[in-house]
Amino acid sequence: MNRNWVYSLFALWIVCSFACTQPKPVANVEVQKENFVFSIKGTDTLSLDKYELPSISPALKKPVMIFAFGGGFKGGDKADKGYIPYFEFLARNGFVVVSTDYRTTLKNLDPSKVSSPMDFIAALQHAIDTAVEDFYDATGFVINQSSDWNIDVEQIVASGSSAGAITVLQAEYDLCNGHELAKRLPAGFNYAGVISYAGAVSGVLPPHWEKMPCPIMLFHGDADKTVPFEQAAMENLGGLWGSSAVAKSLENLQASYYFYKVENAGHEISGLPMSRNQYDIMSFLSRQVLGDENLAITTDERVPGDTIVRKDFTVQDYILDNLR
């Protein structure tokens, strides 16, 4: 028999043997969804949805992603169909995904009674504090289920869109700065990471961290007129400090972060990265969160020759946009 023919048969046998011994892909396995009530506050019953792929390695504890929906603190839906592909992508990559309710107190705000920026700032701060309180309670519920759900409480990541992004950033910010609300969580707890889609933190002064924060990923368009890219704050009153200000504070602290800014983009960045930047997200999770690499990454996405759009929004512009 020709020697080359023998080598070809041997190579074919190796390929066939290798293919037959590989595990079957789980892409066609359905992600399972369960609902749990975690708190009842007055007339509000708060629940969360858990998304999980049936485990092929039940002995391994899974990381968790807790997600807060967007909606301007006036509404929103934790099961919005736009979020589901993001949840399923994370579940298929080994995460238990938890999408949680939180109270949205700005839905009760009468725009006609907002007579000054101070009125809106006070109402917004109350809405943020309420959302953070509920997010902490959802986190506490998840921690208490760790044995039943087979999850790793040291690998709980917070993620949110728009108002939800403000909520998760503020949750980490308050936790690092010893806010009273943070006492709702177990002593010594911290999130393993935060992913913010068009978020900000609230405060009188620019962001300052008393303790080193967890790794933080920030997506934001620099022409966002709903949540400020840089800031929407008034002297002595404060306001919102956007992703650019947060990234600067993390850089000064030499903390681990990933800042993904999109030039001439608006508030659509509160949602788009969940579908088009999934592998950037997984890189952040695998390297900076689960891999514990201390990295400072900034990505500046732009379209060459793109028309420059307005970016010089005032505090009043942001208030009017959020009162619509």
C-alpha atoms as a PDB file:
ATOM      1  CA  MET A   1       0.000   0.000   0.000  1.00  0.00           C
ATOM      2  CA  ASN A   2       1.253   3.513  -0.837  1.00  0.00           C
ATOM      3  CA  ARG A   3       2.801   5.174   2.240  1.00  0.00           C
ATOM      4  CA  ASN A   4       0.931   8.458   1.624  1.00  0.00           C
ATOM      5  CA  TRP A   5      -2.325   6.513   1.491  1.00  0.00           C
ATOM      6  CA  VAL A   6      -1.548   4.933   4.869  1.00  0.00           C
ATOM      7  CA  TYR A   7      -0.844   8.350   6.392  1.00  0.00           C
ATOM      8  CA  SER A   8      -4.115   9.697   4.982  1.00  0.00           C
ATOM      9  CA  LEU A   9      -6.118   6.847   6.508  1.00  0.00           C
ATOM     10  CA  PHE A  10      -4.375   7.345   9.867  1.00  0.00           C
ATOM     11  CA  ALA A  11      -5.109  11.083   9.838  1.00  0.00           C
ATOM     12  CA  LEU A  12      -8.762  10.426   8.980  1.00  0.00           C
ATOM     13  CA  TRP A  13      -9.035   7.946  11.865  1.00  0.00           C
ATOM     14  CA  ILE A  14      -7.648  10.549  14.313  1.00  0.00           C
ATOM     15  CA  VAL A  15     -10.110  13.210  13.133  1.00  0.00           C
ATOM     16  CA  CYS A  16     -13.074  10.834  13.386  1.00  0.00           C
ATOM     17  CA  SER A  17     -12.015   9.589  16.816  1.00  0.00           C
ATOM     18  CA  PHE A  18     -11.579  13.169  18.093  1.00  0.00           C
ATOM     19  CA  ALA A  19     -14.982  14.252  16.788  1.00  0.00           C
ATOM     20  CA  CYS A  20     -16.740  11.284  18.337  1.00  0.00           C
ATOM     21  CA  THR A  21     -15.303  11.939  21.787  1.00  0.00           C
ATOM     22  CA  GLN A  22     -16.207  15.663  22.010  1.00  0.00           C
ATOM     23  CA  PRO A  23     -19.110  16.715  24.262  1.00  0.00           C
ATOM     24  CA  LYS A  24     -22.303  17.651  22.476  1.00  0.00           C
ATOM     25  CA  PRO A  25     -22.922  21.403  22.206  1.00  0.00           C
ATOM     26  CA  VAL A  26     -25.541  22.880  24.539  1.00  0.00           C
ATOM     27  CA  ALA A  27     -26.616  25.656  22.177  1.00  0.00           C
ATOM     28  CA  ASN A  28     -29.959  23.961  21.524  1.00  0.00           C
ATOM     29  CA  VAL A  29     -30.719  23.351  25.216  1.00  0.00           C
ATOM     30  CA  GLU A  30     -33.437  25.677  26.494  1.00  0.00           C
ATOM     31  CA  VAL A  31     -32.533  28.221  29.155  1.00  0.00           C
ATOM     32  CA  GLN A  32     -34.807  27.685  32.152  1.00  0.00           C
ATOM     33  CA  LYS A  33     -36.647  30.591  33.804  1.00  0.00           C
ATOM     34  CA  GLU A  34     -38.063  30.707  37.343  1.00  0.00           C
ATOM     35  CA  ASN A  35     -39.705  33.536  39.287  1.00  0.00           C
ATOM     36  CA  PHE A  36     -39.212  34.258  43.000  1.00  0.00           C
ATOM     37  CA  VAL A  37     -40.757  36.898  45.268  1.00  0.00           C
ATOM     38  CA  PHE A  38     -37.989  38.439  47.366  1.00  0.00           C
ATOM     39  CA  SER A  39     -39.746  41.303  49.157  1.00  0.00           C
ATOM     40  CA  ILE A  40     -43.126  42.894  49.851  1.00  0.00           C
ATOM     41  CA  LYS A  41     -42.995  46.613  50.640  1.00  0.00           C
ATOM     42  CA  GLY A  42     -46.368  48.212  51.238  1.00  0.00           C
ATOM     43  CA  THR A  43     -48.409  47.604  48.101  1.00  0.00           C
ATOM     44  CA  ASP A  44     -45.344  46.600  46.055  1.00  0.00           C
ATOM     45  CA  THR A  45     -44.528  42.923  45.610  1.00  0.00           C
ATOM     46  CA  LEU A  46     -40.989  42.643  44.280  1.00  0.00           C
ATOM     47  CA  SER A  47     -39.857  39.549  42.443  1.00  0.00           C
ATOM     48  CA  LEU A  48     -36.936  38.396  40.353  1.00  0.00           C
ATOM     49  CA  ASP A  49     -36.546  36.087  37.377  1.00  0.00           C
ATOM     50  CA  LYS A  50     -33.744  33.515  37.373  1.00  0.00           C
ATOM     51  CA  TYR A  51     -32.381  32.325  34.021  1.00  0.00           C
ATOM     52  CA  GLU A  52     -30.137  29.285  33.983  1.00  0.00           C
ATOM     53  CA  LEU A  53     -28.901  26.625  31.620  1.00  0.00           C
ATOM     54  CA  PRO A  54     -29.190  23.112  33.103  1.00  0.00           C
ATOM     55  CA  SER A  55     -25.729  22.405  34.448  1.00  0.00           C
ATOM     56  CA  ILE A  56     -23.546  19.778  32.806  1.00  0.00           C
ATOM     57  CA  SER A  57     -21.176  20.064  35.798  1.00  0.00           C
ATOM     58  CA  PRO A  58     -23.458  20.246  38.862  1.00  0.00           C
ATOM     59  CA  ALA A  59     -20.490  20.123  41.248  1.00  0.00           C
ATOM     60  CA  LEU A  60     -19.200  23.486  40.021  1.00  0.00           C
ATOM     61  CA  LYS A  61     -20.615  26.638  41.594  1.00  0.00           C
ATOM     62  CA  LYS A  62     -21.715  29.211  39.044  1.00  0.00           C
ATOM     63  CA  PRO A  63     -21.131  32.963  38.901  1.00  0.00           C
ATOM     64  CA  VAL A  64     -24.198  35.221  38.987  1.00  0.00           C
ATOM     65  CA  MET A  65     -25.282  38.300  37.064  1.00  0.00           C
ATOM     66  CA  ILE A  66     -27.977  40.438  38.751  1.00  0.00           C
ATOM     67  CA  PHE A  67     -29.597  42.842  36.284  1.00  0.00           C
ATOM     68  CA  ALA A  68     -31.589  46.054  36.847  1.00  0.00           C
ATOM     69  CA  PHE A  69     -33.865  47.224  34.012  1.00  0.00           C
ATOM     70  CA  GLY A  70     -34.070  50.727  32.543  1.00  0.00           C
ATOM     71  CA  GLY A  71     -37.041  53.072  32.460  1.00  0.00           C
ATOM     72  CA  GLY A  72     -36.097  56.431  33.924  1.00  0.00           C
ATOM     73  CA  PHE A  73     -37.155  55.364  37.441  1.00  0.00           C
ATOM     74  CA  LYS A  74     -40.719  55.767  36.101  1.00  0.00           C
ATOM     75  CA  GLY A  75     -41.358  52.246  34.844  1.00  0.00           C
ATOM     76  CA  GLY A  76     -39.678  49.392  33.028  1.00  0.00           C
ATOM     77  CA  ASP A  77     -39.888  45.624  32.859  1.00  0.00           C
ATOM     78  CA  LYS A  78     -37.362  43.100  34.142  1.00  0.00           C
ATOM     79  CA  ALA A  79     -38.570  40.667  31.450  1.00  0.00           C
ATOM     80  CA  ASP A  80     -38.489  43.105  28.521  1.00  0.00           C
ATOM     81  CA  LYS A  81     -37.993  41.106  25.331  1.00  0.00           C
ATOM     82  CA  GLY A  82     -34.993  43.267  24.415  1.00  0.00           C
ATOM     83  CA  TYR A  83     -33.064  41.922  27.404  1.00  0.00           C
ATOM     84  CA  ILE A  84     -33.753  38.205  26.904  1.00  0.00           C
ATOM     85  CA  PRO A  85     -31.018  37.491  24.302  1.00  0.00           C
ATOM     86  CA  TYR A  86     -28.491  39.111  26.671  1.00  0.00           C
ATOM     87  CA  PHE A  87     -29.690  36.949  29.556  1.00  0.00           C
ATOM     88  CA  GLU A  88     -29.570  33.793  27.450  1.00  0.00           C
ATOM     89  CA  PHE A  89     -26.100  34.626  26.119  1.00  0.00           C
ATOM     90  CA  LEU A  90     -24.792  34.951  29.673  1.00  0.00           C
ATOM     91  CA  ALA A  91     -26.602  31.790  30.781  1.00  0.00           C
ATOM     92  CA  ARG A  92     -25.060  29.830  27.906  1.00  0.00           C
ATOM     93  CA  ASN A  93     -21.672  31.092  29.038  1.00  0.00           C
ATOM     94  CA  GLY A  94     -22.051  29.673  32.529  1.00  0.00           C
ATOM     95  CA  PHE A  95     -23.806  32.445  34.481  1.00  0.00           C
ATOM     96  CA  VAL A  96     -26.946  32.272  36.552  1.00  0.00           C
ATOM     97  CA  VAL A  97     -28.770  35.435  35.473  1.00  0.00           C
ATOM     98  CA  VAL A  98     -31.151  37.212  37.843  1.00  0.00           C
ATOM     99  CA  SER A  99     -33.313  40.072  36.544  1.00  0.00           C
ATOM    100  CA  THR A 100     -34.862  41.956  39.427  1.00  0.00           C
ATOM    101  CA  ASP A 101     -37.704  44.325  40.197  1.00  0.00           C
ATOM    102  CA  TYR A 102     -37.159  47.595  42.030  1.00  0.00           C
ATOM    103  CA  ARG A 103     -39.571  50.386  42.921  1.00  0.00           C
ATOM    104  CA  THR A 104     -39.743  53.253  40.424  1.00  0.00           C
ATOM    105  CA  THR A 105     -40.770  56.303  42.438  1.00  0.00           C
ATOM    106  CA  LEU A 106     -40.465  58.955  39.704  1.00  0.00           C
ATOM    107  CA  LYS A 107     -43.661  57.572  38.165  1.00  0.00           C
ATOM    108  CA  ASN A 108     -45.464  59.492  40.916  1.00  0.00           C
ATOM    109  CA  LEU A 109     -43.691  62.775  40.136  1.00  0.00           C
ATOM    110  CA  ASP A 110     -45.945  65.534  38.773  1.00  0.00           C
ATOM    111  CA  PRO A 111     -43.825  67.581  36.311  1.00  0.00           C
ATOM    112  CA  SER A 112     -45.965  70.651  36.974  1.00  0.00           C
ATOM    113  CA  LYS A 113     -44.773  70.628  40.584  1.00  0.00           C
ATOM    114  CA  VAL A 114     -41.089  70.616  39.673  1.00  0.00           C
ATOM    115  CA  SER A 115     -40.474  74.349  40.014  1.00  0.00           C
ATOM    116  CA  SER A 116     -36.678  74.254  40.201  1.00  0.00           C
ATOM    117  CA  PRO A 117     -33.701  71.971  39.487  1.00  0.00           C
ATOM    118  CA  MET A 118     -33.433  71.403  43.236  1.00  0.00           C
ATOM    119  CA  ASP A 119     -36.894  69.822  43.257  1.00  0.00           C
ATOM    120  CA  PHE A 120     -35.921  67.350  40.553  1.00  0.00           C
ATOM    121  CA  ILE A 121     -32.530  66.550  42.095  1.00  0.00           C
ATOM    122  CA  ALA A 122     -34.232  65.742  45.417  1.00  0.00           C
ATOM    123  CA  ALA A 123     -36.843  63.533  43.728  1.00  0.00           C
ATOM    124  CA  LEU A 124     -34.167  61.781  41.672  1.00  0.00           C
ATOM    125  CA  GLN A 125     -32.016  61.118  44.736  1.00  0.00           C
ATOM    126  CA  HIS A 126     -35.000  59.542  46.491  1.00  0.00           C
ATOM    127  CA  ALA A 127     -35.663  57.369  43.425  1.00  0.00           C
ATOM    128  CA  ILE A 128     -32.028  56.235  43.283  1.00  0.00           C
ATOM    129  CA  ASP A 129     -31.900  55.448  47.009  1.00  0.00           C
ATOM    130  CA  THR A 130     -35.127  53.439  46.734  1.00  0.00           C
ATOM    131  CA  ALA A 131     -33.834  51.477  43.746  1.00  0.00           C
ATOM    132  CA  VAL A 132     -30.504  50.771  45.467  1.00  0.00           C
ATOM    133  CA  GLU A 133     -32.304  49.572  48.601  1.00  0.00           C
ATOM    134  CA  ASP A 134     -34.344  47.131  46.532  1.00  0.00           C
ATOM    135  CA  PHE A 135     -31.285  46.012  44.553  1.00  0.00           C
ATOM    136  CA  TYR A 136     -29.461  45.288  47.804  1.00  0.00           C
ATOM    137  CA  ASP A 137     -32.453  43.264  49.012  1.00  0.00           C
ATOM    138  CA  ALA A 138     -32.486  41.271  45.770  1.00  0.00           C
ATOM    139  CA  THR A 139     -28.757  40.655  46.209  1.00  0.00           C
ATOM    140  CA  GLY A 140     -29.326  39.490  49.784  1.00  0.00           C
ATOM    141  CA  PHE A 141     -32.017  37.096  48.590  1.00  0.00           C
ATOM    142  CA  VAL A 142     -29.648  35.641  45.983  1.00  0.00           C
ATOM    143  CA  ILE A 143     -26.931  35.209  48.620  1.00  0.00           C
ATOM    144  CA  ASN A 144     -29.379  33.352  50.866  1.00  0.00           C
ATOM    145  CA  GLN A 145     -30.214  30.981  47.995  1.00  0.00           C
ATOM    146  CA  SER A 146     -26.557  30.184  47.288  1.00  0.00           C
ATOM    147  CA  SER A 147     -26.719  26.571  48.470  1.00  0.00           C
ATOM    148  CA  ASP A 148     -29.987  25.729  46.725  1.00  0.00           C
ATOM    149  CA  TRP A 149     -28.917  27.447  43.507  1.00  0.00           C
ATOM    150  CA  ASN A 150     -25.310  26.202  43.655  1.00  0.00           C
ATOM    151  CA  ILE A 151     -23.850  29.667  43.076  1.00  0.00           C
ATOM    152  CA  ASP A 152     -20.609  31.335  44.130  1.00  0.00           C
ATOM    153  CA  VAL A 153     -21.399  34.338  46.357  1.00  0.00           C
ATOM    154  CA  GLU A 154     -17.928  35.748  45.664  1.00  0.00           C
ATOM    155  CA  GLN A 155     -18.754  35.958  41.962  1.00  0.00           C
ATOM    156  CA  ILE A 156     -21.924  38.073  41.954  1.00  0.00           C
ATOM    157  CA  VAL A 157     -21.831  40.709  39.210  1.00  0.00           C
ATOM    158  CA  ALA A 158     -24.241  43.667  39.000  1.00  0.00           C
ATOM    159  CA  SER A 159     -25.451  44.932  35.629  1.00  0.00           C
ATOM    160  CA  GLY A 160     -28.007  47.496  34.542  1.00  0.00           C
ATOM    161  CA  SER A 161     -29.372  49.662  31.742  1.00  0.00           C
ATOM    162  CA  SER A 162     -30.016  53.429  32.018  1.00  0.00           C
ATOM    163  CA  ALA A 163     -31.826  53.906  35.356  1.00  0.00           C
ATOM    164  CA  GLY A 164     -30.763  50.347  36.158  1.00  0.00           C
ATOM    165  CA  ALA A 165     -27.169  51.268  35.306  1.00  0.00           C
ATOM    166  CA  ILE A 166     -27.388  54.220  37.694  1.00  0.00           C
ATOM    167  CA  THR A 167     -28.766  51.809  40.295  1.00  0.00           C
ATOM    168  CA  VAL A 168     -25.933  49.270  40.035  1.00  0.00           C
ATOM    169  CA  LEU A 169     -23.188  51.908  39.894  1.00  0.00           C
ATOM    170  CA  GLN A 170     -24.702  53.664  42.904  1.00  0.00           C
ATOM    171  CA  ALA A 171     -24.991  50.314  44.709  1.00  0.00           C
ATOM    172  CA  GLU A 172     -21.239  49.759  44.339  1.00  0.00           C
ATOM    173  CA  TYR A 173     -20.476  53.407  45.095  1.00  0.00           C
ATOM    174  CA  ASP A 174     -22.530  53.385  48.308  1.00  0.00           C
ATOM    175  CA  LEU A 175     -21.028  50.051  49.336  1.00  0.00           C
ATOM    176  CA  CYS A 176     -17.474  51.369  48.947  1.00  0.00           C
ATOM    177  CA  ASN A 177     -18.305  54.609  50.773  1.00  0.00           C
ATOM    178  CA  GLY A 178     -20.053  53.070  53.787  1.00  0.00           C
ATOM    179  CA  HIS A 179     -23.558  54.348  53.044  1.00  0.00           C
ATOM    180  CA  GLU A 180     -26.214  53.376  55.584  1.00  0.00           C
ATOM    181  CA  LEU A 181     -28.134  51.426  52.932  1.00  0.00           C
ATOM    182  CA  ALA A 182     -25.148  49.116  52.426  1.00  0.00           C
ATOM    183  CA  LYS A 183     -25.795  47.634  55.878  1.00  0.00           C
ATOM    184  CA  ARG A 184     -28.595  45.652  54.227  1.00  0.00           C
ATOM    185  CA  LEU A 185     -25.879  43.396  52.793  1.00  0.00           C
ATOM    186  CA  PRO A 186     -23.721  40.918  54.753  1.00  0.00           C
ATOM    187  CA  ALA A 187     -20.609  42.427  56.350  1.00  0.00           C
ATOM    188  CA  GLY A 188     -17.615  42.218  54.048  1.00  0.00           C
ATOM    189  CA  PHE A 189     -19.644  41.588  50.903  1.00  0.00           C
ATOM    190  CA  ASN A 190     -18.780  43.261  47.633  1.00  0.00           C
ATOM    191  CA  TYR A 191     -19.857  42.681  44.072  1.00  0.00           C
ATOM    192  CA  ALA A 192     -17.345  40.879  41.878  1.00  0.00           C
ATOM    193  CA  GLY A 193     -17.939  43.324  39.040  1.00  0.00           C
ATOM    194  CA  VAL A 194     -20.320  45.926  37.619  1.00  0.00           C
ATOM    195  CA  ILE A 195     -21.426  46.418  34.005  1.00  0.00           C
ATOM    196  CA  SER A 196     -23.159  49.729  33.294  1.00  0.00           C
ATOM    197  CA  TYR A 197     -24.990  50.614  30.089  1.00  0.00           C
ATOM    198  CA  ALA A 198     -25.317  54.429  30.102  1.00  0.00           C
ATOM    199  CA  GLY A 199     -25.141  54.913  33.857  1.00  0.00           C
ATOM    200  CA  ALA A 200     -23.931  57.456  36.401  1.00  0.00           C
ATOM    201  CA  VAL A 201     -23.446  57.967  40.121  1.00  0.00           C
ATOM    202  CA  SER A 202     -25.203  60.552  42.246  1.00  0.00           C
ATOM    203  CA  GLY A 203     -23.367  62.896  44.585  1.00  0.00           C
ATOM    204  CA  VAL A 204     -22.625  66.477  45.558  1.00  0.00           C
ATOM    205  CA  LEU A 205     -18.963  66.148  44.532  1.00  0.00           C
ATOM    206  CA  PRO A 206     -17.204  64.239  41.729  1.00  0.00           C
ATOM    207  CA  PRO A 207     -16.882  60.488  42.395  1.00  0.00           C
ATOM    208  CA  HIS A 208     -14.589  59.573  45.283  1.00  0.00           C
ATOM    209  CA  TRP A 209     -14.126  56.020  46.577  1.00  0.00           C
ATOM    210  CA  GLU A 210     -13.255  55.311  50.223  1.00  0.00           C
ATOM    211  CA  LYS A 211     -12.558  51.651  49.402  1.00  0.00           C
ATOM    212  CA  MET A 212     -11.264  50.061  46.227  1.00  0.00           C
ATOM    213  CA  PRO A 213     -14.265  49.197  44.029  1.00  0.00           C
ATOM    214  CA  CYS A 214     -14.718  45.984  42.116  1.00  0.00           C
ATOM    215  CA  PRO A 215     -13.868  45.926  38.379  1.00  0.00           C
ATOM    216  CA  ILE A 216     -16.307  48.180  36.503  1.00  0.00           C
ATOM    217  CA  MET A 217     -17.271  48.165  32.815  1.00  0.00           C
ATOM    218  CA  LEU A 218     -18.834  51.355  31.460  1.00  0.00           C
ATOM    219  CA  PHE A 219     -20.604  51.794  28.112  1.00  0.00           C
ATOM    220  CA  HIS A 220     -21.735  55.311  27.160  1.00  0.00           C
ATOM    221  CA  GLY A 221     -22.398  57.525  24.147  1.00  0.00           C
ATOM    222  CA  ASP A 222     -20.828  60.977  24.405  1.00  0.00           C
ATOM    223  CA  ALA A 223     -23.978  62.639  22.996  1.00  0.00           C
ATOM    224  CA  ASP A 224     -26.385  61.129  25.537  1.00  0.00           C
ATOM    225  CA  LYS A 225     -28.987  63.723  26.586  1.00  0.00           C
ATOM    226  CA  THR A 226     -30.821  61.413  29.014  1.00  0.00           C
ATOM    227  CA  VAL A 227     -27.991  60.270  31.305  1.00  0.00           C
ATOM    228  CA  PRO A 228     -24.928  62.545  31.223  1.00  0.00           C
ATOM    229  CA  PHE A 229     -21.738  61.240  29.667  1.00  0.00           C
ATOM    230  CA  GLU A 230     -19.723  63.650  31.823  1.00  0.00           C
ATOM    231  CA  GLN A 231     -21.896  65.376  34.423  1.00  0.00           C
ATOM    232  CA  ALA A 232     -25.211  67.066  35.148  1.00  0.00           C
ATOM    233  CA  ALA A 233     -24.468  68.627  38.515  1.00  0.00           C
ATOM    234  CA  MET A 234     -24.968  71.982  40.215  1.00  0.00           C
ATOM    235  CA  GLU A 235     -22.515  73.560  42.635  1.00  0.00           C
ATOM    236  CA  ASN A 236     -23.337  72.741  46.285  1.00  0.00           C
ATOM    237  CA  LEU A 237     -26.341  70.651  45.158  1.00  0.00           C
ATOM    238  CA  GLY A 238     -24.712  67.885  43.165  1.00  0.00           C
ATOM    239  CA  GLY A 239     -26.432  65.714  40.612  1.00  0.00           C
ATOM    240  CA  LEU A 240     -25.277  62.940  38.303  1.00  0.00           C
ATOM    241  CA  TRP A 241     -21.695  62.137  37.377  1.00  0.00           C
ATOM    242  CA  GLY A 242     -21.578  60.109  34.173  1.00  0.00           C
ATOM    243  CA  SER A 243     -19.344  57.354  32.868  1.00  0.00           C
ATOM    244  CA  SER A 244     -16.544  59.724  31.843  1.00  0.00           C
ATOM    245  CA  ALA A 245     -16.314  61.139  35.379  1.00  0.00           C
ATOM    246  CA  VAL A 246     -16.544  57.652  36.898  1.00  0.00           C
ATOM    247  CA  ALA A 247     -13.789  56.341  34.605  1.00  0.00           C
ATOM    248  CA  LYS A 248     -11.559  59.276  35.561  1.00  0.00           C
ATOM    249  CA  SER A 249     -12.062  58.523  39.258  1.00  0.00           C
ATOM    250  CA  LEU A 250     -11.201  54.853  38.679  1.00  0.00           C
ATOM    251  CA  GLU A 251      -8.086  55.823  36.720  1.00  0.00           C
ATOM    252  CA  ASN A 252      -6.939  58.068  39.569  1.00  0.00           C
ATOM    253  CA  LEU A 253      -7.495  55.195  41.985  1.00  0.00           C
ATOM    254  CA  GLN A 254      -5.636  52.722  39.740  1.00  0.00           C
ATOM    255  CA  ALA A 255      -8.705  50.501  39.893  1.00  0.00           C
ATOM    256  CA  SER A 256      -9.654  47.869  37.326  1.00  0.00           C
ATOM    257  CA  TYR A 257     -12.052  49.230  34.713  1.00  0.00           C
ATOM    258  CA  TYR A 258     -13.118  48.993  31.069  1.00  0.00           C
ATOM    259  CA  PHE A 259     -14.507  52.222  29.574  1.00  0.00           C
ATOM    260  CA  TYR A 260     -16.203  51.802  26.191  1.00  0.00           C
ATOM    261  CA  LYS A 261     -17.221  55.206  24.818  1.00  0.00           C
ATOM    262  CA  VAL A 262     -19.065  55.747  21.548  1.00  0.00           C
ATOM    263  CA  GLU A 263     -18.654  59.092  19.818  1.00  0.00           C
ATOM    264  CA  ASN A 264     -21.785  60.909  18.567  1.00  0.00           C
ATOM    265  CA  ALA A 265     -24.008  58.233  20.103  1.00  0.00           C
ATOM    266  CA  GLY A 266     -26.955  58.967  22.351  1.00  0.00           C
ATOM    267  CA  HIS A 267     -28.970  56.988  24.859  1.00  0.00           C
ATOM    268  CA  GLU A 268     -29.226  53.997  22.526  1.00  0.00           C
ATOM    269  CA  ILE A 269     -25.999  52.810  24.187  1.00  0.00           C
ATOM    270  CA  SER A 270     -28.175  51.876  27.164  1.00  0.00           C
ATOM    271  CA  GLY A 271     -29.166  48.818  25.128  1.00  0.00           C
ATOM    272  CA  LEU A 272     -27.110  48.254  21.975  1.00  0.00           C
ATOM    273  CA  PRO A 273     -23.975  46.776  23.605  1.00  0.00           C
ATOM    274  CA  MET A 274     -26.010  43.897  25.042  1.00  0.00           C
ATOM    275  CA  SER A 275     -26.275  42.510  21.518  1.00  0.00           C
ATOM    276  CA  ARG A 276     -23.334  43.919  19.571  1.00  0.00           C
ATOM    277  CA  ASN A 277     -20.630  43.888  22.268  1.00  0.00           C
ATOM    278  CA  GLN A 278     -21.230  40.495  23.832  1.00  0.00           C
ATOM    279  CA  TYR A 279     -17.662  39.338  23.330  1.00  0.00           C
ATOM    280  CA  ASP A 280     -16.233  42.547  24.796  1.00  0.00           C
ATOM    281  CA  ILE A 281     -18.457  41.851  27.791  1.00  0.00           C
ATOM    282  CA  MET A 282     -17.241  38.260  28.074  1.00  0.00           C
ATOM    283  CA  SER A 283     -13.627  39.454  27.824  1.00  0.00           C
ATOM    284  CA  PHE A 284     -14.222  41.808  30.765  1.00  0.00           C
ATOM    285  CA  LEU A 285     -15.930  39.068  32.769  1.00  0.00           C
ATOM    286  CA  SER A 286     -13.354  36.371  32.053  1.00  0.00           C
ATOM    287  CA  ARG A 287     -10.257  38.554  32.507  1.00  0.00           C
ATOM    288  CA  GLN A 288     -11.052  41.347  34.955  1.00  0.00           C
ATOM    289  CA  VAL A 289     -13.802  39.729  37.039  1.00  0.00           C
ATOM    290  CA  LEU A 290     -13.318  35.958  37.099  1.00  0.00           C
ATOM    291  CA  GLY A 291      -9.630  36.153  36.139  1.00  0.00           C
ATOM    292  CA  ASP A 292      -8.889  38.961  38.618  1.00  0.00           C
ATOM    293  CA  GLU A 293      -6.643  40.863  36.181  1.00  0.00           C
ATOM    294  CA  ASN A 294      -6.131  44.487  37.210  1.00  0.00           C
ATOM    295  CA  LEU A 295      -6.492  46.281  33.872  1.00  0.00           C
ATOM    296  CA  ALA A 296      -7.371  49.797  32.729  1.00  0.00           C
ATOM    297  CA  ILE A 297      -8.947  49.612  29.266  1.00  0.00           C
ATOM    298  CA  THR A 298     -10.469  52.432  27.242  1.00  0.00           C
ATOM    299  CA  THR A 299     -12.064  51.855  23.842  1.00  0.00           C
ATOM    300  CA  ASP A 300     -13.097  54.860  21.757  1.00  0.00           C
ATOM    301  CA  GLU A 301     -15.513  53.851  19.001  1.00  0.00           C
ATOM    302  CA  ARG A 302     -16.069  56.367  16.213  1.00  0.00           C
ATOM    303  CA  VAL A 303     -17.235  56.479  12.612  1.00  0.00           C
ATOM    304  CA  PRO A 304     -14.672  58.301  10.426  1.00  0.00           C
ATOM    305  CA  GLY A 305     -16.207  61.393   8.852  1.00  0.00           C
ATOM    306  CA  ASP A 306     -19.324  61.168  11.015  1.00  0.00           C
ATOM    307  CA  THR A 307     -21.311  64.375  11.498  1.00  0.00           C
ATOM    308  CA  ILE A 308     -20.674  65.917  14.902  1.00  0.00           C
ATOM    309  CA  VAL A 309     -23.859  66.164  16.952  1.00  0.00           C
ATOM    310  CA  ARG A 310     -24.737  68.347  19.921  1.00  0.00           C
ATOM    311  CA  LYS A 311     -23.099  67.352  23.202  1.00  0.00           C
ATOM    312  CA  ASP A 312     -23.149  70.521  25.334  1.00  0.00           C
ATOM    313  CA  PHE A 313     -26.295  69.717  27.324  1.00  0.00           C
ATOM    314  CA  THR A 314     -27.164  71.722  30.430  1.00  0.00           C
ATOM    315  CA  VAL A 315     -28.635  70.458  33.689  1.00  0.00           C
ATOM    316  CA  GLN A 316     -31.963  71.898  32.549  1.00  0.00           C
ATOM    317  CA  ASP A 317     -31.744  69.919  29.280  1.00  0.00           C
ATOM    318  CA  TYR A 318     -31.310  66.666  31.203  1.00  0.00           C
ATOM    319  CA  ILE A 319     -34.174  67.501  33.556  1.00  0.00           C
ATOM    320  CA  LEU A 320     -36.563  68.322  30.698  1.00  0.00           C
ATOM    321  CA  ASP A 321     -35.639  65.101  28.879  1.00  0.00           C
ATOM    322  CA  ASN A 322     -36.333  63.043  31.987  1.00  0.00           C
ATOM    323  CA  LEU A 323     -39.650  64.774  32.707  1.00  0.00           C
ATOM    324  CA  ARG A 324     -41.101  63.875  29.308  1.00  0.00           C
END
